Each structure stands twice: as C-alpha cells, then as structure tokens.
C-alpha cells in the first residue's frame, strides 16, 4: 500500500512539474507581444470625429496576472518575466 501511495505521489509531482514547465514556455511567448501594444486606443465611430478612448489591455495578460498570483500563493516558483510583470500589477489595475 505504501509503494502505491509513493508511486501516485511521484506521478502527481511529475505531472504538476510538466504542466508548470509548459505554462512557463507560454509566458515568454504571450507577454512580449502583448506588452508592445498601446495601452489606450481610440475607437472611432461614424458619427464622431474624436472617437472614444478604449483600454487595450489584453485578456491574456489579465489571465497571466491572475495565474501568477495563485502560483505565488501556492509557493510555486514562477518565471522571472512573469514575476516582473506581476510586480507592476497595481499599476496595470489603475
């Protein structure tokens, strides 16, 4: 019974590590492109010349910030790029 328990725990740790590595690889790809976009954009309509200001904060970055928050709460190491992005979470919220 103990061997089975140890085997299951080992498999779960390996699965968790593999998922975290996969997530880390996606962080680098998604953040660089999204952070190079303008934060504000002007949305023009047919009836106005000035247009409305629109916040152009990508949902991928919102998801990334949320994921980093929960990974830090679980004491899981996050990539440096994601950690630096998360340090500015209050700036992005305001």
N, C-alpha and C. Protein backbone atom coordinates (compact mmCIF):
# COMPACT_ATOMS: atom_id res chain seq x y z
N UNK A 1 0.82 -1.19 0.00
CA UNK A 1 0.00 0.00 0.00
C UNK A 1 0.88 1.27 0.00
N UNK A 2 1.96 1.23 0.75
CA UNK A 2 2.85 2.39 0.80
C UNK A 2 3.55 2.63 -0.53
N UNK A 3 3.90 1.54 -1.23
CA UNK A 3 4.53 1.69 -2.54
C UNK A 3 3.57 2.34 -3.53
N UNK A 4 2.31 1.95 -3.47
CA UNK A 4 1.31 2.52 -4.35
C UNK A 4 1.12 4.00 -4.06
N UNK A 5 1.07 4.36 -2.78
CA UNK A 5 0.94 5.76 -2.38
C UNK A 5 2.13 6.58 -2.87
N UNK A 6 3.33 6.06 -2.67
CA UNK A 6 4.54 6.76 -3.10
C UNK A 6 4.56 6.92 -4.62
N UNK A 7 4.13 5.90 -5.33
CA UNK A 7 4.09 5.96 -6.78
C UNK A 7 3.09 7.01 -7.27
N UNK A 8 1.94 7.06 -6.66
CA UNK A 8 0.92 8.05 -7.04
C UNK A 8 1.42 9.46 -6.75
N UNK A 9 2.03 9.66 -5.61
CA UNK A 9 2.57 10.99 -5.27
C UNK A 9 3.65 11.41 -6.26
N UNK A 10 4.50 10.48 -6.62
CA UNK A 10 5.56 10.78 -7.59
C UNK A 10 4.97 11.16 -8.93
N UNK A 11 3.98 10.40 -9.39
CA UNK A 11 3.33 10.71 -10.67
C UNK A 11 2.63 12.06 -10.65
N UNK A 12 2.00 12.40 -9.54
CA UNK A 12 1.35 13.70 -9.42
C UNK A 12 2.36 14.85 -9.45
N UNK A 13 3.49 14.67 -8.77
CA UNK A 13 4.53 15.70 -8.80
C UNK A 13 5.09 15.88 -10.20
N UNK A 14 5.33 14.78 -10.90
CA UNK A 14 5.83 14.86 -12.27
C UNK A 14 4.83 15.55 -13.20
N UNK A 15 3.56 15.24 -13.03
CA UNK A 15 2.52 15.87 -13.84
C UNK A 15 2.46 17.37 -13.56
N UNK A 16 2.52 17.73 -12.29
CA UNK A 16 2.49 19.15 -11.91
C UNK A 16 3.70 19.88 -12.48
N UNK A 17 4.87 19.29 -12.37
CA UNK A 17 6.09 19.91 -12.92
C UNK A 17 6.00 20.09 -14.42
N UNK A 18 5.45 19.09 -15.12
CA UNK A 18 5.32 19.19 -16.58
C UNK A 18 4.36 20.31 -16.96
N UNK A 19 3.26 20.44 -16.24
CA UNK A 19 2.28 21.49 -16.54
C UNK A 19 2.87 22.87 -16.27
N UNK A 20 3.64 23.00 -15.21
CA UNK A 20 4.25 24.29 -14.89
C UNK A 20 5.29 24.65 -15.95
N UNK A 21 6.08 23.70 -16.40
CA UNK A 21 7.06 23.97 -17.46
C UNK A 21 6.37 24.41 -18.75
N UNK A 22 5.28 23.76 -19.10
CA UNK A 22 4.52 24.13 -20.29
C UNK A 22 3.98 25.55 -20.15
N UNK A 23 3.48 25.87 -18.96
CA UNK A 23 2.96 27.23 -18.69
C UNK A 23 4.08 28.25 -18.80
N UNK A 24 5.26 27.94 -18.26
CA UNK A 24 6.39 28.86 -18.31
C UNK A 24 6.79 29.17 -19.75
N UNK A 25 6.77 28.18 -20.61
CA UNK A 25 7.11 28.40 -22.01
C UNK A 25 6.11 29.34 -22.68
N UNK A 26 4.85 29.23 -22.33
CA UNK A 26 3.82 30.09 -22.89
C UNK A 26 3.90 31.52 -22.40
N UNK A 27 4.43 31.72 -21.20
CA UNK A 27 4.54 33.06 -20.63
C UNK A 27 5.44 33.93 -21.50
N UNK A 28 6.58 33.41 -21.85
CA UNK A 28 7.53 34.19 -22.64
C UNK A 28 6.94 34.59 -23.99
N UNK A 29 6.23 33.68 -24.62
CA UNK A 29 5.68 33.96 -25.94
C UNK A 29 4.57 35.00 -25.89
N UNK A 30 3.67 34.87 -24.92
CA UNK A 30 2.49 35.73 -24.91
C UNK A 30 2.76 37.13 -24.37
N UNK A 31 3.64 37.27 -23.40
CA UNK A 31 3.80 38.58 -22.77
C UNK A 31 4.53 39.58 -23.65
N UNK A 32 5.56 39.15 -24.33
CA UNK A 32 6.36 40.09 -25.11
C UNK A 32 5.53 40.78 -26.17
N UNK A 33 4.74 40.03 -26.89
CA UNK A 33 3.92 40.60 -27.96
C UNK A 33 2.83 41.50 -27.39
N UNK A 34 2.20 41.09 -26.32
CA UNK A 34 1.07 41.84 -25.75
C UNK A 34 1.53 43.13 -25.08
N UNK A 35 2.71 43.13 -24.49
CA UNK A 35 3.20 44.34 -23.81
C UNK A 35 3.68 45.40 -24.79
N UNK A 36 3.91 45.04 -26.03
CA UNK A 36 4.34 46.01 -27.02
C UNK A 36 3.18 46.77 -27.65
N UNK A 37 1.96 46.38 -27.33
CA UNK A 37 0.78 47.07 -27.85
C UNK A 37 0.53 48.33 -27.03
N UNK A 38 -0.16 49.30 -27.63
CA UNK A 38 -0.53 50.51 -26.91
C UNK A 38 -1.58 50.18 -25.86
N UNK A 39 -1.48 50.83 -24.70
CA UNK A 39 -2.43 50.58 -23.63
C UNK A 39 -3.78 51.23 -23.90
N UNK A 40 -3.76 52.38 -24.54
CA UNK A 40 -5.00 53.07 -24.90
C UNK A 40 -5.11 53.15 -26.42
N UNK A 41 -6.31 53.00 -26.90
CA UNK A 41 -6.54 53.17 -28.33
C UNK A 41 -7.79 54.02 -28.50
N UNK A 42 -7.91 54.62 -29.64
CA UNK A 42 -9.07 55.45 -29.92
C UNK A 42 -10.00 54.68 -30.85
N UNK A 43 -11.24 54.57 -30.42
CA UNK A 43 -12.24 53.84 -31.18
C UNK A 43 -13.12 54.87 -31.89
N UNK A 44 -13.03 54.90 -33.18
CA UNK A 44 -13.79 55.87 -33.97
C UNK A 44 -15.13 55.29 -34.38
N UNK A 45 -16.12 56.17 -34.37
CA UNK A 45 -17.43 55.79 -34.87
C UNK A 45 -17.75 56.69 -36.05
N UNK A 46 -18.77 56.37 -36.78
CA UNK A 46 -19.12 57.14 -37.96
C UNK A 46 -19.61 58.55 -37.61
N UNK A 47 -20.23 58.70 -36.45
CA UNK A 47 -20.85 59.98 -36.12
C UNK A 47 -19.91 60.97 -35.44
N UNK A 48 -18.77 60.53 -34.94
CA UNK A 48 -17.87 61.45 -34.24
C UNK A 48 -16.50 61.44 -34.88
N UNK A 49 -15.87 62.60 -34.84
CA UNK A 49 -14.51 62.70 -35.36
C UNK A 49 -13.48 62.31 -34.32
N UNK A 50 -13.77 62.60 -33.06
CA UNK A 50 -12.80 62.37 -32.00
C UNK A 50 -12.71 60.90 -31.60
N UNK A 51 -13.82 60.24 -31.47
CA UNK A 51 -13.81 58.84 -31.06
C UNK A 51 -13.68 58.70 -29.56
N UNK A 52 -13.82 57.50 -29.09
CA UNK A 52 -13.75 57.20 -27.66
C UNK A 52 -12.43 56.52 -27.35
N UNK A 53 -11.92 56.78 -26.14
CA UNK A 53 -10.73 56.07 -25.69
C UNK A 53 -11.13 54.70 -25.19
N UNK A 54 -10.34 53.73 -25.53
CA UNK A 54 -10.62 52.36 -25.15
C UNK A 54 -9.35 51.77 -24.53
N UNK A 55 -9.51 51.08 -23.41
CA UNK A 55 -8.37 50.41 -22.78
C UNK A 55 -8.07 49.15 -23.59
N UNK A 56 -6.84 49.02 -23.99
CA UNK A 56 -6.42 47.94 -24.86
C UNK A 56 -5.56 46.94 -24.08
N UNK A 57 -6.01 46.54 -22.90
CA UNK A 57 -5.26 45.61 -22.06
C UNK A 57 -5.73 44.20 -22.38
N UNK A 58 -4.86 43.42 -22.93
CA UNK A 58 -5.21 42.11 -23.47
C UNK A 58 -5.67 41.13 -22.38
N UNK A 59 -6.72 40.37 -22.65
CA UNK A 59 -7.19 39.36 -21.68
C UNK A 59 -6.15 38.30 -21.34
N UNK A 60 -5.22 38.06 -22.24
CA UNK A 60 -4.14 37.09 -21.97
C UNK A 60 -3.29 37.59 -20.80
N UNK A 61 -3.03 38.90 -20.76
CA UNK A 61 -2.24 39.46 -19.66
C UNK A 61 -3.02 39.43 -18.35
N UNK A 62 -4.31 39.66 -18.42
CA UNK A 62 -5.15 39.58 -17.22
C UNK A 62 -5.10 38.17 -16.65
N UNK A 63 -5.23 37.18 -17.53
CA UNK A 63 -5.17 35.79 -17.10
C UNK A 63 -3.81 35.45 -16.51
N UNK A 64 -2.75 35.95 -17.14
CA UNK A 64 -1.39 35.69 -16.67
C UNK A 64 -1.19 36.27 -15.27
N UNK A 65 -1.65 37.49 -15.04
CA UNK A 65 -1.51 38.10 -13.72
C UNK A 65 -2.27 37.29 -12.67
N UNK A 66 -3.44 36.81 -13.01
CA UNK A 66 -4.21 36.00 -12.07
C UNK A 66 -3.50 34.69 -11.77
N UNK A 67 -2.95 34.05 -12.79
CA UNK A 67 -2.24 32.79 -12.60
C UNK A 67 -1.01 32.96 -11.73
N UNK A 68 -0.26 34.04 -11.96
CA UNK A 68 0.93 34.29 -11.16
C UNK A 68 0.55 34.50 -9.70
N UNK A 69 -0.53 35.21 -9.48
CA UNK A 69 -1.00 35.45 -8.10
C UNK A 69 -1.23 34.13 -7.38
N UNK A 70 -1.94 33.22 -8.02
CA UNK A 70 -2.26 31.95 -7.37
C UNK A 70 -1.05 31.03 -7.26
N UNK A 71 -0.16 31.06 -8.23
CA UNK A 71 1.06 30.26 -8.12
C UNK A 71 1.93 30.74 -6.97
N UNK A 72 1.99 32.06 -6.78
CA UNK A 72 2.76 32.59 -5.65
C UNK A 72 2.12 32.21 -4.32
N UNK A 73 0.79 32.19 -4.27
CA UNK A 73 0.11 31.77 -3.04
C UNK A 73 0.40 30.30 -2.72
N UNK A 74 0.64 29.50 -3.75
CA UNK A 74 0.97 28.09 -3.55
C UNK A 74 2.47 27.86 -3.38
N UNK A 75 3.24 28.93 -3.30
CA UNK A 75 4.70 28.86 -3.16
C UNK A 75 5.36 28.09 -4.30
N UNK A 76 4.87 28.31 -5.51
CA UNK A 76 5.46 27.70 -6.70
C UNK A 76 6.27 28.77 -7.41
N UNK A 77 7.49 28.43 -7.79
CA UNK A 77 8.35 29.39 -8.47
C UNK A 77 7.76 29.72 -9.84
N UNK A 78 7.77 31.02 -10.16
CA UNK A 78 7.28 31.48 -11.46
C UNK A 78 8.46 32.04 -12.24
N UNK A 79 8.36 32.07 -13.55
CA UNK A 79 9.46 32.61 -14.36
C UNK A 79 9.72 34.08 -14.02
N UNK A 80 10.95 34.49 -14.23
CA UNK A 80 11.35 35.86 -13.90
C UNK A 80 10.51 36.89 -14.66
N UNK A 81 10.23 36.61 -15.91
CA UNK A 81 9.44 37.53 -16.74
C UNK A 81 8.04 37.74 -16.14
N UNK A 82 7.40 36.66 -15.73
CA UNK A 82 6.07 36.75 -15.14
C UNK A 82 6.12 37.43 -13.78
N UNK A 83 7.17 37.17 -13.03
CA UNK A 83 7.31 37.80 -11.72
C UNK A 83 7.49 39.31 -11.83
N UNK A 84 8.29 39.74 -12.81
CA UNK A 84 8.48 41.18 -13.02
C UNK A 84 7.18 41.84 -13.48
N UNK A 85 6.43 41.16 -14.30
CA UNK A 85 5.14 41.68 -14.74
C UNK A 85 4.19 41.80 -13.56
N UNK A 86 4.20 40.81 -12.69
CA UNK A 86 3.30 40.82 -11.53
C UNK A 86 3.66 41.91 -10.53
N UNK A 87 4.92 42.31 -10.47
CA UNK A 87 5.32 43.38 -9.57
C UNK A 87 4.61 44.69 -9.91
N UNK A 88 4.19 44.85 -11.16
CA UNK A 88 3.52 46.07 -11.60
C UNK A 88 2.01 45.91 -11.67
N UNK A 89 1.47 44.92 -10.98
CA UNK A 89 0.03 44.62 -11.07
C UNK A 89 -0.82 45.82 -10.63
N UNK A 90 -0.40 46.55 -9.61
CA UNK A 90 -1.18 47.71 -9.17
C UNK A 90 -1.18 48.83 -10.18
N UNK A 91 -0.08 48.98 -10.91
CA UNK A 91 -0.01 49.99 -11.96
C UNK A 91 -1.00 49.64 -13.08
N UNK A 92 -1.03 48.38 -13.46
CA UNK A 92 -1.93 47.96 -14.54
C UNK A 92 -3.39 48.08 -14.12
N UNK A 93 -3.69 47.85 -12.87
CA UNK A 93 -5.08 47.96 -12.41
C UNK A 93 -5.56 49.39 -12.43
N UNK A 94 -4.67 50.32 -12.14
CA UNK A 94 -5.12 51.73 -12.10
C UNK A 94 -5.05 52.32 -13.49
